[in-house]
Every structure is written in C-alpha cells, then in structure tokens.
Amino acid sequence: MSSPERQLRLVQCGLIVFIVVCFFVKRIGRLETHDALSPVQWLIIVAAIWSAISGFTVQRRINRIGSRSQTQPRRSTPVSRWRTGHLVRLWTATAMGLWGLLLHYTGGPEWLVNVFLGLAMLLLLIWRPGATPAPAQP
C-alpha cells in the first residue's frame, strides 16, 4: 500500500471512530421526538440525501474536469485529483452521519437518525481507495 493510500486509510479509520462517537453522543440525554416533521427537519433530510448522492458523483466530476482542461495548472495532477476525490467521498459519508446527529437534536424521528448514522458507517466501511494513478509526465 503506497503512502497516499495509507493516508486515506488513516482518514477513513478516524472518521469511522468519529461516527461511533456520534452514536454514543446521541445516547446522551433523551430528547422528545415528534411525529410530524418540521421544515427544518425536512431541510436536514434533504441535506443528508444530497451528501450521500454527492459522494458518488463529485469524484467523477473532479477527474473529468482535470482530464478536459488542456492547460492544467501545475498543482493539478492525477494523484492530487484522485486524493481530493476520495477525501470528498469520505467527508460526504461522514456528513451524512452529522446530519443524522443534527436531526436527533432537532427532535427528528429516532429511526431516521439511526438510518443516517448507519448509512454513514456503512459508506465508510465499504469505501476502498483503489490504485493510485501514475503521476503525469511533464
């Protein structure tokens, strides 16, 4: 495993621990949940869904932009775009868990909070970095 892959795995492990901590933080203090969802809770649900979807699409967009531009900046290399895309995927998966925690603190349905936290954990556990691309030739 190369150094960039190892760094991404370290970030992945840290974010998994962070989601586990979110599960325990959710257990601290019982909040009253409401049957009807408020507009703020609907906004949180939409943001969580957007986080999940963007985790699958942003990396492709980042790589496509880099391959389309003919005059690439010196800093934009295949490896940096690869790393950025994977970091975005990890952070959007974690954001889904954070939206779930926020939904909990706004009195959202407990089952939906658990779904968001569970999906965040699942996305983090199934994530794989893949092979590091070859550096661009000057």
Protein backbone atom coordinates (compact mmCIF):
# COMPACT_ATOMS: atom_id res chain seq x y z
CA MET A 1 0.00 0.00 0.00
CA SER A 2 1.51 3.31 -1.08
CA SER A 3 1.75 6.39 1.10
CA PRO A 4 -1.32 8.22 -0.36
CA GLU A 5 -3.42 5.08 0.11
CA ARG A 6 -2.15 4.69 3.67
CA GLN A 7 -3.01 8.32 4.43
CA LEU A 8 -6.54 7.84 3.10
CA ARG A 9 -6.95 4.67 5.17
CA LEU A 10 -5.88 6.61 8.25
CA VAL A 11 -8.50 9.28 7.49
CA GLN A 12 -11.08 6.52 6.97
CA CYS A 13 -10.29 4.96 10.37
CA GLY A 14 -10.51 8.33 12.09
CA LEU A 15 -13.90 9.05 10.52
CA ILE A 16 -15.23 5.62 11.49
CA VAL A 17 -14.24 6.36 15.09
CA PHE A 18 -15.94 9.76 14.74
CA ILE A 19 -19.24 8.13 13.63
CA VAL A 20 -19.02 5.68 16.55
CA VAL A 21 -18.60 8.66 18.88
CA CYS A 22 -21.68 10.24 17.24
CA PHE A 23 -23.66 7.07 18.11
CA PHE A 24 -22.65 7.46 21.76
CA VAL A 25 -23.25 11.22 21.82
CA LYS A 26 -26.76 10.56 20.52
CA ARG A 27 -27.40 8.36 23.54
CA ILE A 28 -26.55 11.16 25.97
CA GLY A 29 -29.77 12.75 27.13
CA ARG A 30 -33.13 11.74 25.77
CA LEU A 31 -34.84 14.21 23.50
CA GLU A 32 -38.51 14.29 22.74
CA THR A 33 -39.25 13.20 19.19
CA HIS A 34 -42.21 14.48 17.24
CA ASP A 35 -44.41 12.58 14.82
CA ALA A 36 -44.66 15.41 12.31
CA LEU A 37 -41.51 16.71 10.65
CA SER A 38 -40.82 20.43 10.80
CA PRO A 39 -39.47 22.39 7.81
CA VAL A 40 -36.02 22.46 9.44
CA GLN A 41 -36.05 18.68 9.77
CA TRP A 42 -37.06 18.32 6.11
CA LEU A 43 -34.12 20.55 5.19
CA ILE A 44 -31.77 18.34 7.22
CA ILE A 45 -33.14 15.22 5.49
CA VAL A 46 -32.59 16.77 2.06
CA ALA A 47 -29.05 17.79 3.03
CA ALA A 48 -28.27 14.24 4.22
CA ILE A 49 -29.57 12.74 0.98
CA TRP A 50 -27.59 15.29 -1.03
CA SER A 51 -24.46 14.33 0.93
CA ALA A 52 -24.94 10.66 0.09
CA ILE A 53 -25.55 11.32 -3.60
CA SER A 54 -22.72 13.82 -3.99
CA GLY A 55 -20.29 11.32 -2.50
CA PHE A 56 -20.85 9.16 -5.56
CA THR A 57 -20.79 11.94 -8.16
CA VAL A 58 -18.22 14.54 -7.06
CA GLN A 59 -15.18 12.34 -7.58
CA ARG A 60 -16.12 11.68 -11.20
CA ARG A 61 -16.64 15.40 -11.78
CA ILE A 62 -13.25 16.23 -10.28
CA ASN A 63 -11.49 13.71 -12.51
CA ARG A 64 -13.45 14.77 -15.60
CA ILE A 65 -12.60 18.44 -15.12
CA GLY A 66 -8.90 17.59 -14.83
CA SER A 67 -8.89 15.45 -17.96
CA ARG A 68 -10.84 18.01 -20.05
CA SER A 69 -8.74 21.06 -19.36
CA GLN A 70 -5.90 21.39 -21.83
CA THR A 71 -3.94 23.93 -19.83
CA GLN A 72 -3.84 22.29 -16.44
CA PRO A 73 -2.32 24.17 -13.55
CA ARG A 74 0.92 22.67 -12.27
CA ARG A 75 -0.71 21.68 -8.98
CA SER A 76 -3.48 19.66 -10.61
CA THR A 77 -2.05 16.19 -11.12
CA PRO A 78 -3.89 12.88 -11.48
CA VAL A 79 -2.72 11.91 -7.99
CA SER A 80 -3.95 15.15 -6.39
CA ARG A 81 -7.33 14.85 -8.14
CA TRP A 82 -7.53 11.18 -7.07
CA ARG A 83 -6.77 12.08 -3.44
CA THR A 84 -9.18 15.03 -3.44
CA GLY A 85 -11.97 12.90 -4.89
CA HIS A 86 -11.53 10.23 -2.24
CA LEU A 87 -11.36 12.78 0.58
CA VAL A 88 -14.62 14.29 -0.67
CA ARG A 89 -16.21 10.82 -0.68
CA LEU A 90 -15.09 10.19 2.90
CA TRP A 91 -16.26 13.59 4.12
CA THR A 92 -19.67 13.34 2.44
CA ALA A 93 -20.22 9.94 4.05
CA THR A 94 -19.32 11.43 7.42
CA ALA A 95 -21.55 14.44 6.76
CA MET A 96 -24.49 12.07 6.42
CA GLY A 97 -23.86 10.91 9.99
CA LEU A 98 -23.55 14.50 11.18
CA TRP A 99 -26.87 15.39 9.53
CA GLY A 100 -28.36 12.41 11.38
CA LEU A 101 -26.99 13.70 14.68
CA LEU A 102 -28.37 17.16 13.94
CA LEU A 103 -31.74 15.61 13.12
CA HIS A 104 -31.64 13.89 16.51
CA TYR A 105 -31.05 17.20 18.30
CA THR A 106 -33.92 18.86 16.44
CA GLY A 107 -36.32 16.16 17.64
CA GLY A 108 -36.45 14.11 14.45
CA PRO A 109 -37.64 10.51 14.29
CA GLU A 110 -35.24 8.16 16.02
CA TRP A 111 -35.45 5.56 13.25
CA LEU A 112 -34.37 8.12 10.65
CA VAL A 113 -31.48 9.28 12.82
CA ASN A 114 -30.33 5.66 13.13
CA VAL A 115 -30.66 5.15 9.36
CA PHE A 116 -28.46 8.18 8.64
CA LEU A 117 -25.83 7.17 11.17
CA GLY A 118 -25.93 3.56 9.98
CA LEU A 119 -25.61 4.54 6.33
CA ALA A 120 -22.70 6.82 7.15
CA MET A 121 -20.96 3.92 8.89
CA LEU A 122 -21.75 1.56 6.01
CA LEU A 123 -20.41 4.01 3.41
CA LEU A 124 -17.21 4.45 5.41
CA LEU A 125 -16.75 0.71 5.88
CA ILE A 126 -17.23 -0.25 2.22
CA TRP A 127 -15.07 2.57 0.83
CA ARG A 128 -11.92 1.44 -0.98
CA PRO A 129 -9.21 3.80 -2.29
CA GLY A 130 -8.30 1.79 -5.38
CA ALA A 131 -4.96 2.06 -7.11
CA THR A 132 -3.06 5.33 -7.06
CA PRO A 133 -2.84 6.76 -10.59
CA ALA A 134 0.51 7.18 -12.24
CA PRO A 135 1.99 10.67 -11.98
CA ALA A 136 1.58 12.86 -15.06
CA GLN A 137 4.56 13.18 -17.38
CA PRO A 138 5.89 16.73 -17.82
